[in-house]
Amino acid sequence: MSARSVMRFADWTMRPETASEAPAMVHEFQCTTCCATSSPDEDFETVRDWAFHHTGRNPSHQGYRETVTRFWRMTLTN
């Protein structure tokens, strides 16, 4: 006996997750000179302040890479 599959094409929409229990977006900066990294934080200002302090202590460290973790939700479009 063989298994049967039914396939159909569907339209999907992708949006940021808005459920009340969804995790908040998380920011993190990494210095591109020495690879020092801020602590991940939901508050962008906290990690931005870390970058300003890091450059203040290390004036030649002027480049940063931001990593953002954001949760998304796929929904079937009718």
PDB file of N, CA and C in Angstrom:
ATOM      1  N   MET A   1       0.852  -1.170   0.000  1.00  0.00           N
ATOM      2  CA  MET A   1       0.000   0.000   0.000  1.00  0.00           C
ATOM      3  C   MET A   1       0.902   1.238   0.000  1.00  0.00           C
ATOM      4  N   SER A   2       0.569   2.218  -0.802  1.00  0.00           N
ATOM      5  CA  SER A   2       1.360   3.443  -0.850  1.00  0.00           C
ATOM      6  C   SER A   2       0.600   4.573  -0.166  1.00  0.00           C
ATOM      7  N   ALA A   3       1.367   5.501   0.370  1.00  0.00           N
ATOM      8  CA  ALA A   3       0.769   6.661   1.041  1.00  0.00           C
ATOM      9  C   ALA A   3       0.417   7.715   0.009  1.00  0.00           C
ATOM     10  N   ARG A   4      -0.618   8.429   0.248  1.00  0.00           N
ATOM     11  CA  ARG A   4      -1.026   9.510  -0.644  1.00  0.00           C
ATOM     12  C   ARG A   4      -0.796  10.844   0.041  1.00  0.00           C
ATOM     13  N   SER A   5      -0.397  11.819  -0.736  1.00  0.00           N
ATOM     14  CA  SER A   5      -0.214  13.174  -0.216  1.00  0.00           C
ATOM     15  C   SER A   5      -1.044  14.132  -1.041  1.00  0.00           C
ATOM     16  N   VAL A   6      -1.609  15.087  -0.381  1.00  0.00           N
ATOM     17  CA  VAL A   6      -2.338  16.147  -1.064  1.00  0.00           C
ATOM     18  C   VAL A   6      -1.552  17.424  -0.844  1.00  0.00           C
ATOM     19  N   MET A   7      -1.184  18.049  -1.942  1.00  0.00           N
ATOM     20  CA  MET A   7      -0.420  19.291  -1.841  1.00  0.00           C
ATOM     21  C   MET A   7      -1.227  20.405  -2.483  1.00  0.00           C
ATOM     22  N   ARG A   8      -1.145  21.577  -1.907  1.00  0.00           N
ATOM     23  CA  ARG A   8      -1.791  22.731  -2.505  1.00  0.00           C
ATOM     24  C   ARG A   8      -0.909  23.942  -2.278  1.00  0.00           C
ATOM     25  N   PHE A   9      -1.013  24.885  -3.151  1.00  0.00           N
ATOM     26  CA  PHE A   9      -0.276  26.115  -2.988  1.00  0.00           C
ATOM     27  C   PHE A   9      -1.090  27.032  -2.086  1.00  0.00           C
ATOM     28  N   ALA A  10      -0.397  27.758  -1.252  1.00  0.00           N
ATOM     29  CA  ALA A  10      -1.082  28.657  -0.323  1.00  0.00           C
ATOM     30  C   ALA A  10      -0.290  29.953  -0.222  1.00  0.00           C
ATOM     31  N   ASP A  11      -0.982  31.008   0.076  1.00  0.00           N
ATOM     32  CA  ASP A  11      -0.344  32.296   0.306  1.00  0.00           C
ATOM     33  C   ASP A  11      -0.174  32.489   1.805  1.00  0.00           C
ATOM     34  N   TRP A  12       1.017  32.887   2.185  1.00  0.00           N
ATOM     35  CA  TRP A  12       1.339  33.112   3.590  1.00  0.00           C
ATOM     36  C   TRP A  12       1.764  34.555   3.782  1.00  0.00           C
ATOM     37  N   THR A  13       1.513  35.066   4.969  1.00  0.00           N
ATOM     38  CA  THR A  13       1.953  36.396   5.359  1.00  0.00           C
ATOM     39  C   THR A  13       2.862  36.253   6.568  1.00  0.00           C
ATOM     40  N   MET A  14       3.947  37.015   6.559  1.00  0.00           N
ATOM     41  CA  MET A  14       4.899  36.970   7.678  1.00  0.00           C
ATOM     42  C   MET A  14       4.928  38.341   8.335  1.00  0.00           C
ATOM     43  N   ARG A  15       4.678  38.349   9.664  1.00  0.00           N
ATOM     44  CA  ARG A  15       4.665  39.600  10.422  1.00  0.00           C
ATOM     45  C   ARG A  15       5.389  39.398  11.745  1.00  0.00           C
ATOM     46  N   PRO A  16       5.878  40.491  12.333  1.00  0.00           N
ATOM     47  CA  PRO A  16       6.458  40.358  13.668  1.00  0.00           C
ATOM     48  C   PRO A  16       5.436  39.763  14.634  1.00  0.00           C
ATOM     49  N   GLU A  17       5.904  38.916  15.512  1.00  0.00           N
ATOM     50  CA  GLU A  17       5.029  38.276  16.511  1.00  0.00           C
ATOM     51  C   GLU A  17       4.494  39.336  17.462  1.00  0.00           C
ATOM     52  N   THR A  18       3.176  39.353  17.653  1.00  0.00           N
ATOM     53  CA  THR A  18       2.551  40.362  18.521  1.00  0.00           C
ATOM     54  C   THR A  18       1.807  39.750  19.702  1.00  0.00           C
ATOM     55  N   ALA A  19       1.844  38.424  19.827  1.00  0.00           N
ATOM     56  CA  ALA A  19       1.148  37.781  20.950  1.00  0.00           C
ATOM     57  C   ALA A  19       1.719  38.295  22.261  1.00  0.00           C
ATOM     58  N   SER A  20       0.855  38.431  23.245  1.00  0.00           N
ATOM     59  CA  SER A  20       1.288  38.982  24.537  1.00  0.00           C
ATOM     60  C   SER A  20       2.380  38.144  25.193  1.00  0.00           C
ATOM     61  N   GLU A  21       2.391  36.845  24.934  1.00  0.00           N
ATOM     62  CA  GLU A  21       3.412  35.986  25.537  1.00  0.00           C
ATOM     63  C   GLU A  21       4.697  35.897  24.707  1.00  0.00           C
ATOM     64  N   ALA A  22       4.739  36.576  23.557  1.00  0.00           N
ATOM     65  CA  ALA A  22       5.928  36.529  22.685  1.00  0.00           C
ATOM     66  C   ALA A  22       7.101  37.250  23.343  1.00  0.00           C
ATOM     67  N   PRO A  23       8.295  36.721  23.170  1.00  0.00           N
ATOM     68  CA  PRO A  23       9.476  37.411  23.706  1.00  0.00           C
ATOM     69  C   PRO A  23       9.667  38.757  23.006  1.00  0.00           C
ATOM     70  N   ALA A  24      10.219  39.697  23.720  1.00  0.00           N
ATOM     71  CA  ALA A  24      10.513  41.011  23.145  1.00  0.00           C
ATOM     72  C   ALA A  24      11.747  40.910  22.250  1.00  0.00           C
ATOM     73  N   MET A  25      11.894  41.884  21.372  1.00  0.00           N
ATOM     74  CA  MET A  25      13.079  41.959  20.528  1.00  0.00           C
ATOM     75  C   MET A  25      14.302  42.167  21.427  1.00  0.00           C
ATOM     76  N   VAL A  26      15.422  41.542  21.070  1.00  0.00           N
ATOM     77  CA  VAL A  26      16.641  41.628  21.875  1.00  0.00           C
ATOM     78  C   VAL A  26      17.765  42.209  21.014  1.00  0.00           C
ATOM     79  N   HIS A  27      18.521  43.163  21.564  1.00  0.00           N
ATOM     80  CA  HIS A  27      19.632  43.818  20.864  1.00  0.00           C
ATOM     81  C   HIS A  27      20.948  43.416  21.518  1.00  0.00           C
ATOM     82  N   GLU A  28      22.000  43.410  20.706  1.00  0.00           N
ATOM     83  CA  GLU A  28      23.346  43.130  21.215  1.00  0.00           C
ATOM     84  C   GLU A  28      24.345  43.784  20.262  1.00  0.00           C
ATOM     85  N   PHE A  29      25.388  44.407  20.804  1.00  0.00           N
ATOM     86  CA  PHE A  29      26.445  45.000  19.989  1.00  0.00           C
ATOM     87  C   PHE A  29      27.744  44.241  20.204  1.00  0.00           C
ATOM     88  N   GLN A  30      28.530  44.159  19.118  1.00  0.00           N
ATOM     89  CA  GLN A  30      29.862  43.572  19.204  1.00  0.00           C
ATOM     90  C   GLN A  30      30.839  44.551  18.564  1.00  0.00           C
ATOM     91  N   CYS A  31      31.934  44.838  19.249  1.00  0.00           N
ATOM     92  CA  CYS A  31      32.985  45.692  18.720  1.00  0.00           C
ATOM     93  C   CYS A  31      33.693  44.938  17.589  1.00  0.00           C
ATOM     94  N   THR A  32      33.809  45.574  16.429  1.00  0.00           N
ATOM     95  CA  THR A  32      34.458  44.902  15.301  1.00  0.00           C
ATOM     96  C   THR A  32      35.981  44.997  15.372  1.00  0.00           C
ATOM     97  N   THR A  33      36.512  45.725  16.356  1.00  0.00           N
ATOM     98  CA  THR A  33      37.966  45.816  16.532  1.00  0.00           C
ATOM     99  C   THR A  33      38.476  44.707  17.441  1.00  0.00           C
ATOM    100  N   CYS A  34      37.821  44.510  18.596  1.00  0.00           N
ATOM    101  CA  CYS A  34      38.333  43.536  19.574  1.00  0.00           C
ATOM    102  C   CYS A  34      37.354  42.400  19.863  1.00  0.00           C
ATOM    103  N   CYS A  35      36.174  42.452  19.265  1.00  0.00           N
ATOM    104  CA  CYS A  35      35.125  41.428  19.441  1.00  0.00           C
ATOM    105  C   CYS A  35      34.485  41.424  20.825  1.00  0.00           C
ATOM    106  N   ALA A  36      34.722  42.454  21.642  1.00  0.00           N
ATOM    107  CA  ALA A  36      34.005  42.559  22.917  1.00  0.00           C
ATOM    108  C   ALA A  36      32.519  42.701  22.608  1.00  0.00           C
ATOM    109  N   THR A  37      31.683  42.150  23.467  1.00  0.00           N
ATOM    110  CA  THR A  37      30.253  42.110  23.206  1.00  0.00           C
ATOM    111  C   THR A  37      29.461  42.626  24.399  1.00  0.00           C
ATOM    112  N   SER A  38      28.443  43.411  24.100  1.00  0.00           N
ATOM    113  CA  SER A  38      27.529  43.849  25.157  1.00  0.00           C
ATOM    114  C   SER A  38      26.703  42.659  25.610  1.00  0.00           C
ATOM    115  N   SER A  39      26.047  42.817  26.725  1.00  0.00           N
ATOM    116  CA  SER A  39      25.074  41.810  27.139  1.00  0.00           C
ATOM    117  C   SER A  39      23.819  42.008  26.297  1.00  0.00           C
ATOM    118  N   PRO A  40      23.146  40.930  25.903  1.00  0.00           N
ATOM    119  CA  PRO A  40      21.887  41.097  25.175  1.00  0.00           C
ATOM    120  C   PRO A  40      20.858  41.788  26.070  1.00  0.00           C
ATOM    121  N   ASP A  41      20.071  42.673  25.476  1.00  0.00           N
ATOM    122  CA  ASP A  41      19.087  43.399  26.269  1.00  0.00           C
ATOM    123  C   ASP A  41      17.908  43.792  25.396  1.00  0.00           C
ATOM    124  N   GLU A  42      16.725  43.826  25.980  1.00  0.00           N
ATOM    125  CA  GLU A  42      15.532  44.263  25.262  1.00  0.00           C
ATOM    126  C   GLU A  42      15.545  45.766  25.030  1.00  0.00           C
ATOM    127  N   ASP A  43      16.291  46.494  25.845  1.00  0.00           N
ATOM    128  CA  ASP A  43      16.353  47.954  25.746  1.00  0.00           C
ATOM    129  C   ASP A  43      17.535  48.368  24.863  1.00  0.00           C
ATOM    130  N   PHE A  44      17.247  48.919  23.688  1.00  0.00           N
ATOM    131  CA  PHE A  44      18.298  49.334  22.765  1.00  0.00           C
ATOM    132  C   PHE A  44      19.241  50.345  23.406  1.00  0.00           C
ATOM    133  N   GLU A  45      18.700  51.263  24.195  1.00  0.00           N
ATOM    134  CA  GLU A  45      19.527  52.306  24.813  1.00  0.00           C
ATOM    135  C   GLU A  45      20.605  51.702  25.715  1.00  0.00           C
ATOM    136  N   THR A  46      20.307  50.595  26.362  1.00  0.00           N
ATOM    137  CA  THR A  46      21.282  49.942  27.241  1.00  0.00           C
ATOM    138  C   THR A  46      22.486  49.450  26.445  1.00  0.00           C
ATOM    139  N   VAL A  47      22.239  48.789  25.328  1.00  0.00           N
ATOM    140  CA  VAL A  47      23.374  48.281  24.537  1.00  0.00           C
ATOM    141  C   VAL A  47      24.070  49.415  23.795  1.00  0.00           C
ATOM    142  N   ARG A  48      23.329  50.436  23.402  1.00  0.00           N
ATOM    143  CA  ARG A  48      23.957  51.602  22.766  1.00  0.00           C
ATOM    144  C   ARG A  48      24.881  52.308  23.749  1.00  0.00           C
ATOM    145  N   ASP A  49      24.443  52.442  24.993  1.00  0.00           N
ATOM    146  CA  ASP A  49      25.295  53.052  26.020  1.00  0.00           C
ATOM    147  C   ASP A  49      26.567  52.237  26.222  1.00  0.00           C
ATOM    148  N   TRP A  50      26.439  50.904  26.169  1.00  0.00           N
ATOM    149  CA  TRP A  50      27.627  50.049  26.292  1.00  0.00           C
ATOM    150  C   TRP A  50      28.631  50.392  25.188  1.00  0.00           C
ATOM    151  N   ALA A  51      28.145  50.570  23.946  1.00  0.00           N
ATOM    152  CA  ALA A  51      29.039  50.894  22.829  1.00  0.00           C
ATOM    153  C   ALA A  51      29.719  52.247  23.045  1.00  0.00           C
ATOM    154  N   PHE A  52      28.974  53.249  23.523  1.00  0.00           N
ATOM    155  CA  PHE A  52      29.587  54.553  23.800  1.00  0.00           C
ATOM    156  C   PHE A  52      30.667  54.440  24.877  1.00  0.00           C
ATOM    157  N   HIS A  53      30.381  53.690  25.933  1.00  0.00           N
ATOM    158  CA  HIS A  53      31.380  53.509  26.995  1.00  0.00           C
ATOM    159  C   HIS A  53      32.593  52.746  26.480  1.00  0.00           C
ATOM    160  N   HIS A  54      32.360  51.740  25.649  1.00  0.00           N
ATOM    161  CA  HIS A  54      33.474  50.949  25.115  1.00  0.00           C
ATOM    162  C   HIS A  54      34.390  51.823  24.255  1.00  0.00           C
ATOM    163  N   THR A  55      33.796  52.663  23.397  1.00  0.00           N
ATOM    164  CA  THR A  55      34.615  53.564  22.584  1.00  0.00           C
ATOM    165  C   THR A  55      35.293  54.611  23.463  1.00  0.00           C
ATOM    166  N   GLY A  56      34.625  55.057  24.523  1.00  0.00           N
ATOM    167  CA  GLY A  56      35.234  56.012  25.440  1.00  0.00           C
ATOM    168  C   GLY A  56      36.486  55.451  26.096  1.00  0.00           C
ATOM    169  N   ARG A  57      36.459  54.160  26.418  1.00  0.00           N
ATOM    170  CA  ARG A  57      37.629  53.514  27.029  1.00  0.00           C
ATOM    171  C   ARG A  57      38.663  53.085  25.987  1.00  0.00           C
ATOM    172  N   ASN A  58      38.221  52.940  24.736  1.00  0.00           N
ATOM    173  CA  ASN A  58      39.081  52.475  23.641  1.00  0.00           C
ATOM    174  C   ASN A  58      38.804  53.336  22.403  1.00  0.00           C
ATOM    175  N   PRO A  59      39.353  54.546  22.331  1.00  0.00           N
ATOM    176  CA  PRO A  59      38.993  55.494  21.266  1.00  0.00           C
ATOM    177  C   PRO A  59      39.195  54.977  19.837  1.00  0.00           C
ATOM    178  N   SER A  60      40.049  54.014  19.638  1.00  0.00           N
ATOM    179  CA  SER A  60      40.257  53.499  18.278  1.00  0.00           C
ATOM    180  C   SER A  60      39.213  52.445  17.893  1.00  0.00           C
ATOM    181  N   HIS A  61      38.372  52.039  18.841  1.00  0.00           N
ATOM    182  CA  HIS A  61      37.324  51.036  18.579  1.00  0.00           C
ATOM    183  C   HIS A  61      36.042  51.772  18.189  1.00  0.00           C
ATOM    184  N   GLN A  62      35.845  51.948  16.892  1.00  0.00           N
ATOM    185  CA  GLN A  62      34.735  52.780  16.430  1.00  0.00           C
ATOM    186  C   GLN A  62      33.692  52.022  15.608  1.00  0.00           C
ATOM    187  N   GLY A  63      33.923  50.755  15.329  1.00  0.00           N
ATOM    188  CA  GLY A  63      32.979  49.975  14.536  1.00  0.00           C
ATOM    189  C   GLY A  63      32.251  48.944  15.378  1.00  0.00           C
ATOM    190  N   TYR A  64      30.961  48.774  15.117  1.00  0.00           N
ATOM    191  CA  TYR A  64      30.139  47.829  15.876  1.00  0.00           C
ATOM    192  C   TYR A  64      29.212  47.059  14.948  1.00  0.00           C
ATOM    193  N   ARG A  65      28.942  45.841  15.331  1.00  0.00           N
ATOM    194  CA  ARG A  65      27.973  44.996  14.638  1.00  0.00           C
ATOM    195  C   ARG A  65      26.807  44.779  15.593  1.00  0.00           C
ATOM    196  N   GLU A  66      25.616  45.044  15.100  1.00  0.00           N
ATOM    197  CA  GLU A  66      24.433  44.815  15.932  1.00  0.00           C
ATOM    198  C   GLU A  66      23.796  43.484  15.545  1.00  0.00           C
ATOM    199  N   THR A  67      23.410  42.728  16.549  1.00  0.00           N
ATOM    200  CA  THR A  67      22.625  41.517  16.348  1.00  0.00           C
ATOM    201  C   THR A  67      21.268  41.764  16.991  1.00  0.00           C
ATOM    202  N   VAL A  68      20.216  41.555  16.209  1.00  0.00           N
ATOM    203  CA  VAL A  68      18.854  41.738  16.704  1.00  0.00           C
ATOM    204  C   VAL A  68      18.136  40.400  16.602  1.00  0.00           C
ATOM    205  N   THR A  69      17.534  40.001  17.699  1.00  0.00           N
ATOM    206  CA  THR A  69      16.704  38.803  17.692  1.00  0.00           C
ATOM    207  C   THR A  69      15.261  39.273  17.769  1.00  0.00           C
ATOM    208  N   ARG A  70      14.521  38.945  16.715  1.00  0.00           N
ATOM    209  CA  ARG A  70      13.131  39.368  16.632  1.00  0.00           C
ATOM    210  C   ARG A  70      12.298  38.153  16.246  1.00  0.00           C
ATOM    211  N   PHE A  71      11.176  37.979  16.863  1.00  0.00           N
ATOM    212  CA  PHE A  71      10.335  36.814  16.621  1.00  0.00           C
ATOM    213  C   PHE A  71       9.242  37.160  15.616  1.00  0.00           C
ATOM    214  N   TRP A  72       8.977  36.222  14.710  1.00  0.00           N
ATOM    215  CA  TRP A  72       8.033  36.423  13.615  1.00  0.00           C
ATOM    216  C   TRP A  72       6.967  35.341  13.624  1.00  0.00           C
ATOM    217  N   ARG A  73       5.846  35.631  12.986  1.00  0.00           N
ATOM    218  CA  ARG A  73       4.722  34.698  12.910  1.00  0.00           C
ATOM    219  C   ARG A  73       4.259  34.593  11.461  1.00  0.00           C
ATOM    220  N   MET A  74       4.102  33.360  10.977  1.00  0.00           N
ATOM    221  CA  MET A  74       3.553  33.102   9.653  1.00  0.00           C
ATOM    222  C   MET A  74       2.067  32.821   9.816  1.00  0.00           C
ATOM    223  N   THR A  75       1.234  33.420   8.973  1.00  0.00           N
ATOM    224  CA  THR A  75      -0.197  33.147   8.990  1.00  0.00           C
ATOM    225  C   THR A  75      -0.667  32.885   7.572  1.00  0.00           C
ATOM    226  N   LEU A  76      -1.580  31.975   7.454  1.00  0.00           N
ATOM    227  CA  LEU A  76      -2.159  31.630   6.165  1.00  0.00           C
ATOM    228  C   LEU A  76      -3.055  32.781   5.706  1.00  0.00           C
ATOM    229  N   THR A  77      -2.841  33.258   4.487  1.00  0.00           N
ATOM    230  CA  THR A  77      -3.644  34.331   3.934  1.00  0.00           C
ATOM    231  C   THR A  77      -4.823  33.714   3.194  1.00  0.00           C
ATOM    232  N   ASN A  78      -6.020  34.175   3.474  1.00  0.00           N
ATOM    233  CA  ASN A  78      -7.216  33.622   2.809  1.00  0.00           C
ATOM    234  C   ASN A  78      -7.417  34.219   1.448  1.00  0.00           C
TER     235      ASN A  78
END
